[in-house]
Amino acid sequence: MTKAKWSMPWLTVSILLPFAVVAQVTAIKDIQETSDASGDSPKNGETVTISGIVTAEFWGSSNNRTFFIQDAEEAWSGIMVYNYDGWNTFDFTGADGSTVNSLALGDSVTVTGTVDEYNSKTEIVDVTAVTIHGVADHLDPIDVLASAINTGSATAEQYEGVLVRVVDAVVDSADLGYGEWSVADTSGIVRLDDVMAYYYTPADGDSLEEVVGVLDYSFDNFKILPRLANDVVELGVTRIQRIQQVLYSDLIKAGTDEESDFSYMTGDTVTIEGIVTMPTGLSYAGAGVKFIYQDVNGGPWSSILSYDPDSTAFPVLYEGDHVRATGYIAEYSTGPANMTELFITEPIEILDTGLDTPPVEVVETGDLRWPTEAEQWGTVNVRVKGATVTNNDLSYGEWAVDDGSGSVRIDDDSGEIAAWQEENGRPPVGTLVDSIQGWVYHHYGSNSDSTAYKLEPLYPADIVISGGPPVIKDYSRSPCVPKPDSTVPVTGSISDNSTITSAEIYYAVDAGSYQSVAMTNTSGTTYTGTIPATSTNGARVHYYVK
């Protein structure tokens, strides 16, 4: 508070004027820069307020515990911010004063916390406040030589926490253990780690245009931490994951804006390779043709669809064909849903045939309802297990199953599935399903009601109906207290995964032997049978349905 005072001959007035106390912002360089041989910060243990731009968001870090910020494109300018409980539970303050529970790559933020040295790495911990000011321009990585940032380098310490890039590198060792690997440029070798998922499977001798990431220090080594697939850029053929993967923070936004899941490479011309998982001519393409192919390693973000309105544009392709295709990346929209596709502009090369398709991942039905979980499986073959049919009368031949985590729609885009449903009908509600395998289609529907993602089995054999006992339920009789001369109709529901050939009521009067009467299917799963009159006052009747 400031006290202001005005005086006149006959009057003196004092007014207290409020003002905001703004914490002094400390440059990250003042925290990180040190000549101490230990590398410890000169501000170790001090409470500081820093401002910068998020260079690695916490989504995807180990237990969502870390993010990195940087306040300049120079050495000593980056730092890790750590929260043991995970940042996804932290209350961030938005620019408008609102409370939010996420931040994103490129956000401008101010952080108040304590400088700490943990196993020779400088961090900000015990954070009391984070304010998100809004989206800023992304910082460019600093180009460095591998020898400048590797373990033992005299200059590596100054790049700790900084976004760096090594160009024109070759995979030196594909497996150093614990998800680590290394690359070499003309100057030396540097490690990389898989703290965040970037879906690159290194092989010795692979040539890379560049690797980008924040420089970390752990377990006595400096390591580059790529943040997502497009941080590892291979030379030549583009891997599908680099086209498909988007940041988790963008998937959160896609749940409402229906467009933040667009590929970051939209409009780029690329050459890709993959194993055909859905052949040409099987699924609906109007007057055109489409097929799906997948990175040999499988997993999230690993698959893509190609379509052409000319049905003769592609050769006949079979599952297991290894193909190479060149084209441009585009988003095909079925408002508001959309799907990343490669529109092929050159003849497809068939490199091999008869190969095994990539392994099929098992997911829950609830994983296919919302972009943060479902988008990574777009056009990928997945399998759900232990589900129950919850609706078999949806529009456009669709039906729904639920394994207890939330329902997903099953669609008949495949001609073989459409024919199977036409012949057999969609499975009855209550049908138990051992498993359903299919590709995930982001097609029509809406995120608001979790109908935008569908599971598309290719063949009837992809739908495995359980062979368990029939479901017998909801039985009633009338009258409740019958007279000796009253017959007693019994009505209930019987459903089974195979054809019901007969149903009977078994009944016994008092201690007599059991007798049976046939039941009749009156409609749907409803069956009715009638127990004859007992002609005995006070008789006790026991019955069951079989």
Protein backbone atom coordinates (compact mmCIF):
# COMPACT_ATOMS: atom_id res chain seq x y z
CA MET A 1 0.00 0.00 0.00
CA THR A 2 1.09 3.56 -0.72
CA LYS A 3 -0.10 6.44 1.40
CA ALA A 4 -0.93 9.70 -0.45
CA LYS A 5 -1.61 12.96 1.41
CA TRP A 6 -3.19 16.23 0.30
CA SER A 7 -3.41 19.27 2.60
CA MET A 8 -5.50 22.42 2.47
CA PRO A 9 -5.58 25.16 5.13
CA TRP A 10 -8.74 23.79 6.65
CA LEU A 11 -8.48 20.06 5.74
CA THR A 12 -5.99 17.22 5.60
CA VAL A 13 -6.92 14.05 3.62
CA SER A 14 -4.98 10.75 3.65
CA ILE A 15 -5.82 7.98 1.11
CA LEU A 16 -4.36 4.45 0.95
CA LEU A 17 -3.73 3.44 -2.68
CA PRO A 18 -3.45 -0.32 -3.47
CA PHE A 19 -0.81 -1.62 -5.88
CA ALA A 20 0.18 -5.06 -7.16
CA VAL A 21 3.49 -6.57 -6.09
CA VAL A 22 5.07 -8.17 -9.16
CA ALA A 23 7.66 -10.83 -8.42
CA GLN A 24 11.05 -10.12 -9.92
CA VAL A 25 11.68 -12.44 -12.85
CA THR A 26 15.00 -14.25 -12.84
CA ALA A 27 16.61 -15.07 -16.17
CA ILE A 28 17.08 -18.82 -16.56
CA LYS A 29 20.70 -18.13 -17.50
CA ASP A 30 21.24 -16.69 -14.00
CA ILE A 31 20.07 -20.02 -12.57
CA GLN A 32 21.89 -22.34 -14.96
CA GLU A 33 25.17 -20.64 -15.78
CA THR A 34 27.96 -21.82 -13.53
CA SER A 35 31.71 -22.27 -13.53
CA ASP A 36 31.51 -24.71 -10.61
CA ALA A 37 33.03 -28.05 -11.59
CA SER A 38 30.02 -29.81 -10.02
CA GLY A 39 27.64 -27.99 -12.39
CA ASP A 40 25.48 -26.92 -9.43
CA SER A 41 23.39 -23.78 -9.79
CA PRO A 42 24.55 -20.64 -7.97
CA LYS A 43 20.91 -20.24 -6.88
CA ASN A 44 20.45 -23.77 -5.53
CA GLY A 45 17.82 -23.71 -2.78
CA GLU A 46 16.48 -20.25 -3.66
CA THR A 47 12.86 -19.45 -4.53
CA VAL A 48 12.69 -17.84 -7.97
CA THR A 49 10.18 -16.68 -10.56
CA ILE A 50 11.06 -17.41 -14.17
CA SER A 51 9.31 -16.75 -17.47
CA GLY A 52 9.73 -18.55 -20.75
CA ILE A 53 8.21 -20.62 -23.52
CA VAL A 54 7.29 -24.28 -23.08
CA THR A 55 9.65 -26.37 -25.23
CA ALA A 56 8.40 -29.79 -24.03
CA GLU A 57 4.94 -30.25 -22.55
CA PHE A 58 4.39 -32.60 -19.63
CA TRP A 59 1.93 -34.85 -21.47
CA GLY A 60 3.86 -37.98 -22.35
CA SER A 61 6.64 -37.48 -19.81
CA SER A 62 7.04 -40.06 -17.08
CA ASN A 63 3.82 -39.86 -15.02
CA ASN A 64 3.29 -36.35 -16.47
CA ARG A 65 5.86 -35.02 -13.99
CA THR A 66 8.10 -32.80 -16.11
CA PHE A 67 7.97 -29.98 -18.61
CA PHE A 68 10.73 -27.74 -19.97
CA ILE A 69 10.79 -24.00 -20.55
CA GLN A 70 13.32 -21.72 -22.21
CA ASP A 71 13.64 -17.93 -22.31
CA ALA A 72 16.14 -17.46 -25.14
CA GLU A 73 17.66 -19.31 -28.09
CA GLU A 74 21.07 -19.60 -26.50
CA ALA A 75 23.10 -21.66 -24.06
CA TRP A 76 22.10 -21.78 -20.37
CA SER A 77 18.55 -20.69 -21.29
CA GLY A 78 16.48 -23.86 -20.61
CA ILE A 79 15.37 -25.73 -17.50
CA MET A 80 13.17 -28.64 -16.37
CA VAL A 81 10.16 -27.97 -14.11
CA TYR A 82 9.25 -30.96 -11.94
CA ASN A 83 6.16 -32.00 -9.97
CA TYR A 84 6.16 -35.45 -8.37
CA ASP A 85 2.33 -35.58 -8.24
CA GLY A 86 2.05 -34.96 -11.97
CA TRP A 87 1.20 -31.71 -13.72
CA ASN A 88 -2.14 -33.05 -14.95
CA THR A 89 -3.49 -32.52 -11.41
CA PHE A 90 -1.96 -29.05 -10.98
CA ASP A 91 -4.05 -25.88 -11.09
CA PHE A 92 -2.50 -23.59 -13.69
CA THR A 93 -3.71 -19.99 -13.93
CA GLY A 94 -4.86 -18.87 -17.36
CA ALA A 95 -4.31 -15.39 -18.78
CA ASP A 96 -7.90 -14.52 -17.82
CA GLY A 97 -7.42 -15.73 -14.26
CA SER A 98 -9.26 -19.00 -14.82
CA THR A 99 -7.95 -22.35 -13.56
CA VAL A 100 -6.84 -24.89 -16.17
CA ASN A 101 -5.16 -28.28 -15.86
CA SER A 102 -3.02 -28.37 -18.95
CA LEU A 103 -0.35 -26.45 -20.78
CA ALA A 104 0.99 -26.90 -24.29
CA LEU A 105 4.14 -26.68 -26.34
CA GLY A 106 4.65 -23.01 -27.27
CA ASP A 107 2.78 -21.56 -24.29
CA SER A 108 4.31 -18.49 -22.66
CA VAL A 109 4.42 -19.14 -18.91
CA THR A 110 5.64 -17.71 -15.63
CA VAL A 111 6.68 -20.17 -12.94
CA THR A 112 7.46 -19.67 -9.25
CA GLY A 113 9.33 -22.45 -7.46
CA THR A 114 12.57 -23.52 -5.84
CA VAL A 115 15.87 -24.22 -7.58
CA ASP A 116 17.06 -27.73 -6.78
CA GLU A 117 19.95 -29.97 -7.75
CA TYR A 118 18.79 -33.57 -8.24
CA ASN A 119 21.50 -36.05 -9.15
CA SER A 120 23.54 -33.21 -10.68
CA LYS A 121 20.65 -31.82 -12.72
CA THR A 122 19.23 -28.35 -12.08
CA GLU A 123 15.43 -28.29 -11.78
CA ILE A 124 12.61 -26.09 -10.54
CA VAL A 125 10.63 -27.95 -7.85
CA ASP A 126 8.06 -27.18 -5.14
CA VAL A 127 6.22 -24.97 -7.61
CA THR A 128 3.63 -22.69 -6.04
CA ALA A 129 2.28 -20.98 -9.16
CA VAL A 130 2.27 -21.30 -12.95
CA THR A 131 0.59 -18.63 -15.06
CA ILE A 132 -0.11 -19.32 -18.74
CA HIS A 133 -0.06 -16.04 -20.67
CA GLY A 134 -1.05 -17.53 -24.02
CA VAL A 135 0.51 -19.03 -27.12
CA ALA A 136 3.88 -17.62 -28.15
CA ASP A 137 6.08 -18.29 -31.16
CA HIS A 138 7.82 -21.66 -30.88
CA LEU A 139 11.52 -21.44 -30.16
CA ASP A 140 13.82 -22.92 -32.77
CA PRO A 141 16.26 -25.58 -31.61
CA ILE A 142 19.92 -24.63 -31.36
CA ASP A 143 22.13 -26.49 -33.82
CA VAL A 144 24.93 -28.26 -32.00
CA LEU A 145 27.53 -30.90 -32.73
CA ALA A 146 27.16 -34.22 -30.95
CA SER A 147 30.55 -33.65 -29.34
CA ALA A 148 29.31 -30.39 -27.76
CA ILE A 149 26.54 -32.07 -25.77
CA ASN A 150 27.66 -35.62 -25.09
CA THR A 151 28.74 -37.00 -21.75
CA GLY A 152 32.18 -35.71 -20.81
CA SER A 153 31.98 -32.65 -23.04
CA ALA A 154 33.16 -29.42 -21.45
CA THR A 155 30.20 -27.58 -23.01
CA ALA A 156 27.35 -30.05 -22.39
CA GLU A 157 26.33 -28.47 -19.06
CA GLN A 158 25.39 -25.18 -20.71
CA TYR A 159 22.83 -26.95 -22.93
CA GLU A 160 21.08 -28.82 -20.09
CA GLY A 161 17.35 -28.17 -20.47
CA VAL A 162 17.82 -26.44 -23.85
CA LEU A 163 16.13 -27.45 -27.10
CA VAL A 164 18.90 -28.68 -29.41
CA ARG A 165 19.30 -30.24 -32.86
CA VAL A 166 21.95 -32.54 -34.32
CA VAL A 167 21.92 -32.79 -38.14
CA ASP A 168 23.27 -35.30 -40.67
CA ALA A 169 23.60 -38.12 -38.16
CA VAL A 170 23.79 -41.90 -38.37
CA VAL A 171 22.47 -44.37 -35.80
CA ASP A 172 25.60 -45.54 -34.04
CA SER A 173 24.02 -47.98 -31.58
CA ALA A 174 20.35 -48.94 -31.83
CA ASP A 175 20.07 -50.39 -28.33
CA LEU A 176 21.99 -49.11 -25.33
CA GLY A 177 19.37 -50.53 -22.96
CA TYR A 178 16.38 -48.91 -21.21
CA GLY A 179 15.15 -47.34 -24.44
CA GLU A 180 18.37 -45.45 -25.07
CA TRP A 181 20.28 -45.35 -28.35
CA SER A 182 22.93 -43.14 -29.92
CA VAL A 183 23.73 -41.22 -33.08
CA ALA A 184 27.00 -40.03 -34.50
CA ASP A 185 27.81 -36.99 -36.60
CA THR A 186 31.24 -36.00 -37.88
CA SER A 187 32.26 -34.76 -34.42
CA GLY A 188 31.23 -37.56 -32.07
CA ILE A 189 28.42 -39.60 -30.52
CA VAL A 190 25.46 -38.55 -28.34
CA ARG A 191 22.74 -40.55 -26.58
CA LEU A 192 18.97 -40.28 -27.00
CA ASP A 193 16.27 -41.58 -24.64
CA ASP A 194 12.61 -42.58 -24.95
CA VAL A 195 11.22 -40.66 -21.97
CA MET A 196 8.56 -39.32 -24.34
CA ALA A 197 6.95 -41.43 -27.08
CA TYR A 198 8.21 -40.54 -30.56
CA TYR A 199 7.63 -43.88 -32.34
CA TYR A 200 10.95 -44.40 -34.04
CA THR A 201 12.61 -47.81 -34.02
CA PRO A 202 16.34 -47.23 -34.59
CA ALA A 203 18.47 -49.61 -36.60
CA ASP A 204 22.25 -49.48 -36.76
CA GLY A 205 23.38 -47.46 -39.74
CA ASP A 206 20.09 -45.56 -40.27
CA SER A 207 20.72 -42.14 -41.77
CA LEU A 208 18.89 -39.23 -40.16
CA GLU A 209 18.46 -35.69 -41.44
CA GLU A 210 18.10 -34.44 -37.89
CA VAL A 211 17.24 -35.31 -34.32
CA VAL A 212 15.66 -32.65 -32.10
CA GLY A 213 14.90 -32.62 -28.38
CA VAL A 214 15.60 -31.09 -25.01
CA LEU A 215 18.94 -32.05 -23.50
CA ASP A 216 18.53 -33.97 -20.26
CA TYR A 217 20.97 -35.36 -17.70
CA SER A 218 20.21 -38.59 -15.87
CA PHE A 219 22.04 -41.69 -14.70
CA ASP A 220 25.41 -40.00 -15.32
CA ASN A 221 24.74 -39.23 -19.00
CA PHE A 222 23.60 -36.32 -21.13
CA LYS A 223 20.78 -37.38 -23.50
CA ILE A 224 18.59 -35.79 -26.12
CA LEU A 225 14.88 -36.30 -25.39
CA PRO A 226 12.83 -36.15 -28.63
CA ARG A 227 9.30 -35.01 -27.86
CA LEU A 228 7.23 -36.65 -30.61
CA ALA A 229 7.65 -38.44 -33.93
CA ASN A 230 8.58 -35.42 -36.05
CA ASP A 231 11.63 -34.75 -33.86
CA VAL A 232 13.40 -37.72 -35.48
CA VAL A 233 13.61 -37.09 -39.23
CA GLU A 234 14.82 -40.03 -41.28
CA LEU A 235 16.63 -39.59 -44.57
CA GLY A 236 14.58 -40.73 -47.57
CA VAL A 237 11.36 -42.65 -46.89
CA THR A 238 9.10 -40.94 -44.32
CA ARG A 239 7.80 -43.16 -41.55
CA ILE A 240 4.03 -43.07 -41.14
CA GLN A 241 4.21 -42.17 -37.43
CA ARG A 242 5.90 -38.87 -38.30
CA ILE A 243 2.91 -37.99 -40.49
CA GLN A 244 0.28 -39.08 -37.99
CA GLN A 245 1.37 -38.20 -34.45
CA VAL A 246 0.18 -34.93 -32.92
CA LEU A 247 0.70 -33.54 -29.44
CA TYR A 248 -1.58 -34.62 -26.60
CA SER A 249 -2.42 -30.96 -25.93
CA ASP A 250 -3.77 -30.72 -29.48
CA LEU A 251 -5.81 -33.90 -28.99
CA ILE A 252 -7.44 -32.26 -25.97
CA LYS A 253 -8.47 -29.32 -28.17
CA ALA A 254 -9.61 -31.65 -30.97
CA GLY A 255 -12.31 -32.99 -28.66
CA THR A 256 -14.16 -29.71 -29.11
CA ASP A 257 -12.76 -27.93 -32.17
CA GLU A 258 -12.69 -31.12 -34.31
CA GLU A 259 -9.57 -29.96 -36.19
CA SER A 260 -6.55 -29.73 -33.88
CA ASP A 261 -5.75 -33.36 -34.69
CA PHE A 262 -4.79 -32.45 -38.29
CA SER A 263 -1.38 -33.75 -39.36
CA TYR A 264 1.46 -31.25 -38.95
CA MET A 265 2.60 -32.38 -42.42
CA THR A 266 -0.64 -31.53 -44.24
CA GLY A 267 0.22 -30.46 -47.79
CA ASP A 268 3.70 -32.03 -47.76
CA THR A 269 4.70 -34.47 -50.48
CA VAL A 270 6.30 -37.60 -49.05
CA THR A 271 7.27 -41.16 -49.91
CA ILE A 272 6.20 -43.82 -47.43
CA GLU A 273 6.35 -47.60 -47.08
CA GLY A 274 4.05 -50.03 -45.31
CA ILE A 275 2.45 -53.45 -45.16
CA VAL A 276 -1.06 -53.63 -46.63
CA THR A 277 -3.57 -54.45 -43.88
CA MET A 278 -6.78 -53.73 -45.82
CA PRO A 279 -6.67 -54.84 -49.46
CA THR A 280 -8.13 -52.98 -52.41
CA GLY A 281 -11.66 -53.88 -53.43
CA LEU A 282 -12.85 -55.01 -50.00
CA SER A 283 -14.28 -51.88 -48.40
CA TYR A 284 -16.69 -49.24 -49.64
CA ALA A 285 -15.07 -46.57 -51.81
CA GLY A 286 -17.96 -45.47 -54.02
CA ALA A 287 -16.76 -45.59 -57.63
CA GLY A 288 -13.16 -45.38 -56.43
CA VAL A 289 -10.70 -47.57 -54.58
CA LYS A 290 -8.97 -47.47 -51.20
CA PHE A 291 -6.56 -49.50 -49.10
CA ILE A 292 -4.72 -49.24 -45.77
CA TYR A 293 -1.04 -49.82 -45.07
CA GLN A 294 0.91 -49.83 -41.83
CA ASP A 295 4.46 -49.38 -40.60
CA VAL A 296 6.09 -52.77 -40.11
CA ASN A 297 6.55 -52.06 -36.39
CA GLY A 298 2.85 -51.45 -35.79
CA GLY A 299 1.59 -49.64 -32.69
CA PRO A 300 -0.03 -46.21 -32.30
CA TRP A 301 0.07 -43.69 -35.18
CA SER A 302 1.45 -46.38 -37.53
CA SER A 303 -1.18 -46.65 -40.27
CA ILE A 304 -2.64 -44.59 -43.11
CA LEU A 305 -5.33 -44.89 -45.79
CA SER A 306 -5.03 -44.00 -49.48
CA TYR A 307 -8.05 -43.39 -51.73
CA ASP A 308 -8.51 -42.52 -55.38
CA PRO A 309 -11.83 -41.73 -57.13
CA ASP A 310 -10.58 -43.75 -60.13
CA SER A 311 -11.00 -47.45 -59.32
CA THR A 312 -8.19 -48.32 -61.76
CA ALA A 313 -5.63 -45.96 -60.19
CA PHE A 314 -4.07 -48.61 -57.93
CA PRO A 315 -2.94 -52.14 -58.70
CA VAL A 316 -4.72 -55.00 -56.94
CA LEU A 317 -3.19 -55.10 -53.47
CA TYR A 318 -3.44 -57.93 -50.96
CA GLU A 319 -2.84 -58.13 -47.24
CA GLY A 320 0.86 -58.66 -46.62
CA ASP A 321 2.01 -56.72 -49.69
CA HIS A 322 4.93 -54.42 -48.91
CA VAL A 323 4.36 -51.20 -50.87
CA ARG A 324 6.00 -47.85 -51.44
CA ALA A 325 3.88 -44.84 -52.37
CA THR A 326 4.50 -41.15 -53.07
CA GLY A 327 1.86 -38.45 -52.65
CA TYR A 328 0.71 -35.51 -50.58
CA ILE A 329 -0.77 -35.46 -47.09
CA ALA A 330 -4.34 -34.18 -46.73
CA GLU A 331 -7.22 -34.32 -44.29
CA TYR A 332 -10.41 -35.91 -45.59
CA SER A 333 -13.38 -34.45 -43.73
CA THR A 334 -16.80 -36.01 -43.21
CA GLY A 335 -17.80 -33.04 -41.06
CA PRO A 336 -17.00 -32.77 -38.31
CA ALA A 337 -14.86 -35.97 -38.30
CA ASN A 338 -11.68 -36.02 -40.37
CA MET A 339 -8.94 -38.46 -41.29
CA THR A 340 -5.34 -38.04 -42.43
CA GLU A 341 -4.72 -39.66 -45.82
CA LEU A 342 -1.97 -39.96 -48.42
CA PHE A 343 -3.26 -38.95 -51.86
CA ILE A 344 -0.98 -40.92 -54.16
CA THR A 345 0.44 -39.09 -57.19
CA GLU A 346 2.88 -41.65 -58.62
CA PRO A 347 2.58 -45.38 -59.45
CA ILE A 348 2.66 -47.65 -56.40
CA GLU A 349 5.69 -49.91 -56.08
CA ILE A 350 5.12 -53.43 -54.73
CA LEU A 351 8.38 -54.29 -52.96
CA ASP A 352 7.40 -57.72 -51.63
CA THR A 353 4.37 -59.96 -51.08
CA GLY A 354 3.05 -62.44 -48.56
CA LEU A 355 4.57 -60.78 -45.50
CA ASP A 356 3.11 -60.99 -41.99
CA THR A 357 0.98 -58.00 -41.11
CA PRO A 358 2.03 -55.99 -38.04
CA PRO A 359 0.91 -57.22 -34.61
CA VAL A 360 -2.63 -56.28 -33.59
CA GLU A 361 -2.92 -54.23 -30.39
CA VAL A 362 -5.60 -55.01 -27.79
CA VAL A 363 -7.50 -51.93 -26.60
CA GLU A 364 -10.60 -51.25 -24.54
CA THR A 365 -13.81 -50.09 -26.19
CA GLY A 366 -13.53 -46.90 -24.14
CA ASP A 367 -10.21 -46.15 -25.85
CA LEU A 368 -12.08 -45.54 -29.12
CA ARG A 369 -14.43 -42.78 -27.97
CA TRP A 370 -12.41 -39.56 -27.56
CA PRO A 371 -9.45 -38.08 -29.52
CA THR A 372 -6.95 -38.21 -26.62
CA GLU A 373 -7.13 -42.02 -26.74
CA ALA A 374 -8.72 -42.87 -30.09
CA GLU A 375 -6.86 -40.69 -32.59
CA GLN A 376 -3.59 -42.63 -32.20
CA TRP A 377 -5.39 -45.73 -33.50
CA GLY A 378 -6.75 -44.12 -36.67
CA THR A 379 -6.73 -46.77 -39.50
CA VAL A 380 -4.70 -49.10 -37.23
CA ASN A 381 -5.93 -52.67 -36.77
CA VAL A 382 -6.92 -53.19 -33.11
CA ARG A 383 -8.82 -55.79 -31.14
CA VAL A 384 -11.36 -55.41 -28.31
CA LYS A 385 -12.13 -58.34 -26.04
CA GLY A 386 -14.83 -59.45 -23.61
CA ALA A 387 -17.57 -57.08 -24.80
CA THR A 388 -21.36 -57.23 -24.89
CA VAL A 389 -23.65 -56.01 -27.66
CA THR A 390 -25.49 -52.98 -26.26
CA ASN A 391 -27.36 -51.78 -29.36
CA ASN A 392 -28.03 -53.56 -32.67
CA ASP A 393 -30.34 -51.07 -34.35
CA LEU A 394 -28.18 -48.04 -35.11
CA SER A 395 -28.31 -46.20 -38.44
CA TYR A 396 -26.26 -47.25 -41.48
CA GLY A 397 -25.85 -50.87 -40.40
CA GLU A 398 -23.95 -49.97 -37.23
CA TRP A 399 -24.18 -51.68 -33.85
CA ALA A 400 -22.42 -51.11 -30.53
CA VAL A 401 -20.43 -53.14 -28.04
CA ASP A 402 -19.10 -52.30 -24.59
CA ASP A 403 -16.49 -54.07 -22.47
CA GLY A 404 -17.43 -51.93 -19.45
CA SER A 405 -15.23 -48.96 -20.37
CA GLY A 406 -17.72 -47.28 -22.73
CA SER A 407 -19.39 -48.33 -25.96
CA VAL A 408 -17.92 -48.18 -29.46
CA ARG A 409 -19.77 -48.53 -32.75
CA ILE A 410 -19.14 -51.45 -35.12
CA ASP A 411 -19.57 -50.56 -38.79
CA ASP A 412 -19.99 -52.53 -42.03
CA ASP A 413 -17.65 -50.60 -44.34
CA SER A 414 -16.26 -53.96 -45.49
CA GLY A 415 -18.32 -55.63 -48.22
CA GLU A 416 -17.90 -59.00 -46.49
CA ILE A 417 -19.22 -57.66 -43.20
CA ALA A 418 -22.14 -55.95 -44.96
CA ALA A 419 -23.05 -59.27 -46.63
CA TRP A 420 -22.69 -61.18 -43.35
CA GLN A 421 -25.01 -58.74 -41.59
CA GLU A 422 -27.49 -58.88 -44.43
CA GLU A 423 -27.63 -62.68 -44.17
CA ASN A 424 -27.50 -63.09 -40.40
CA GLY A 425 -28.63 -59.78 -38.99
CA ARG A 426 -26.69 -57.83 -36.42
CA PRO A 427 -26.01 -59.73 -33.20
CA PRO A 428 -28.83 -59.42 -30.64
CA VAL A 429 -28.50 -57.08 -27.69
CA GLY A 430 -26.86 -58.97 -24.84
CA THR A 431 -24.72 -61.12 -27.14
CA LEU A 432 -21.36 -61.83 -25.56
CA VAL A 433 -18.40 -61.20 -27.85
CA ASP A 434 -15.04 -62.83 -27.21
CA SER A 435 -13.27 -60.39 -29.52
CA ILE A 436 -13.69 -58.07 -32.49
CA GLN A 437 -10.76 -57.04 -34.67
CA GLY A 438 -10.85 -54.19 -37.14
CA TRP A 439 -9.39 -50.87 -38.22
CA VAL A 440 -10.42 -47.61 -36.57
CA TYR A 441 -12.34 -45.20 -38.81
CA HIS A 442 -12.67 -41.50 -37.87
CA HIS A 443 -15.72 -41.01 -40.00
CA TYR A 444 -18.91 -38.96 -39.60
CA GLY A 445 -20.37 -38.75 -36.09
CA SER A 446 -19.23 -36.29 -33.46
CA ASN A 447 -16.81 -36.16 -30.55
CA SER A 448 -19.52 -34.60 -28.40
CA ASP A 449 -21.40 -37.92 -28.22
CA SER A 450 -18.36 -40.19 -28.84
CA THR A 451 -19.67 -41.45 -32.19
CA ALA A 452 -16.85 -40.18 -34.45
CA TYR A 453 -14.68 -43.30 -34.18
CA LYS A 454 -15.87 -46.71 -35.44
CA LEU A 455 -14.36 -50.18 -35.44
CA GLU A 456 -14.34 -51.73 -38.92
CA PRO A 457 -13.91 -55.54 -39.00
CA LEU A 458 -12.90 -56.82 -42.44
CA TYR A 459 -14.19 -60.40 -42.35
CA PRO A 460 -16.85 -62.33 -40.39
CA ALA A 461 -13.99 -64.30 -38.78
CA ASP A 462 -12.86 -61.04 -37.17
CA ILE A 463 -15.99 -61.19 -34.98
CA VAL A 464 -15.71 -64.02 -32.45
CA ILE A 465 -18.99 -64.64 -30.65
CA SER A 466 -18.75 -66.28 -27.22
CA GLY A 467 -19.83 -69.92 -26.92
CA GLY A 468 -21.20 -69.55 -23.41
CA PRO A 469 -24.66 -70.46 -22.00
CA PRO A 470 -27.83 -68.61 -23.04
CA VAL A 471 -28.95 -65.56 -21.09
CA ILE A 472 -32.31 -66.30 -19.41
CA LYS A 473 -33.83 -63.36 -17.55
CA ASP A 474 -36.80 -61.14 -16.74
CA TYR A 475 -39.31 -63.94 -16.04
CA SER A 476 -42.79 -63.29 -14.73
CA ARG A 477 -46.00 -65.32 -14.23
CA SER A 478 -49.67 -64.51 -14.01
CA PRO A 479 -51.64 -64.78 -11.85
CA CYS A 480 -49.26 -64.40 -8.96
CA VAL A 481 -51.50 -66.52 -6.66
CA PRO A 482 -53.29 -69.00 -8.93
CA LYS A 483 -56.42 -70.98 -8.03
CA PRO A 484 -56.49 -74.81 -8.30
CA ASP A 485 -58.13 -74.56 -11.73
CA SER A 486 -55.87 -71.76 -13.04
CA THR A 487 -53.27 -72.26 -15.74
CA VAL A 488 -50.15 -70.13 -15.25
CA PRO A 489 -48.47 -68.49 -18.29
CA VAL A 490 -44.75 -67.84 -17.72
CA THR A 491 -43.01 -65.21 -19.92
CA GLY A 492 -39.37 -64.15 -20.12
CA SER A 493 -36.34 -63.41 -22.28
CA ILE A 494 -33.89 -65.96 -23.71
CA SER A 495 -30.90 -64.86 -25.81
CA ASP A 496 -28.01 -66.91 -27.09
CA ASN A 497 -25.08 -66.50 -29.45
CA SER A 498 -26.30 -69.43 -31.53
CA THR A 499 -29.75 -70.55 -32.75
CA ILE A 500 -32.21 -71.48 -29.99
CA THR A 501 -33.81 -74.75 -31.08
CA SER A 502 -36.05 -75.28 -28.06
CA ALA A 503 -37.00 -73.87 -24.67
CA GLU A 504 -38.98 -75.62 -21.96
CA ILE A 505 -40.46 -74.98 -18.53
CA TYR A 506 -39.72 -77.77 -16.05
CA TYR A 507 -42.20 -77.85 -13.12
CA ALA A 508 -43.02 -80.09 -10.16
CA VAL A 509 -46.17 -80.05 -7.98
CA ASP A 510 -45.36 -80.44 -4.29
CA ALA A 511 -42.85 -83.30 -4.01
CA GLY A 512 -43.75 -84.85 -7.35
CA SER A 513 -41.40 -85.50 -10.25
CA TYR A 514 -40.56 -82.75 -12.75
CA GLN A 515 -42.54 -82.53 -15.97
CA SER A 516 -42.01 -80.16 -18.90
CA VAL A 517 -44.00 -77.99 -21.27
CA ALA A 518 -42.65 -76.33 -24.42
CA MET A 519 -42.19 -72.59 -24.67
CA THR A 520 -42.99 -70.54 -27.77
CA ASN A 521 -40.94 -67.65 -29.18
CA THR A 522 -43.55 -64.89 -29.37
CA SER A 523 -41.29 -61.99 -30.48
CA GLY A 524 -37.58 -61.10 -30.44
CA THR A 525 -36.06 -62.78 -27.39
CA THR A 526 -39.45 -63.25 -25.64
CA TYR A 527 -40.60 -66.82 -24.89
CA THR A 528 -43.87 -67.93 -23.28
CA GLY A 529 -45.06 -71.29 -21.84
CA THR A 530 -48.01 -72.33 -19.70
CA ILE A 531 -47.95 -74.48 -16.56
CA PRO A 532 -51.18 -76.54 -16.33
CA ALA A 533 -53.66 -76.16 -13.45
CA THR A 534 -52.81 -78.32 -10.38
CA SER A 535 -56.48 -78.98 -9.35
CA THR A 536 -55.18 -79.08 -5.75
CA ASN A 537 -55.84 -76.52 -3.01
CA GLY A 538 -52.62 -75.26 -1.41
CA ALA A 539 -50.34 -77.00 -3.90
CA ARG A 540 -46.76 -75.67 -4.12
CA VAL A 541 -45.25 -75.53 -7.64
CA HIS A 542 -41.51 -75.34 -8.29
CA TYR A 543 -40.33 -74.45 -11.85
CA TYR A 544 -37.34 -73.44 -13.91
CA VAL A 545 -36.60 -72.69 -17.58
CA LYS A 546 -34.18 -74.73 -19.67
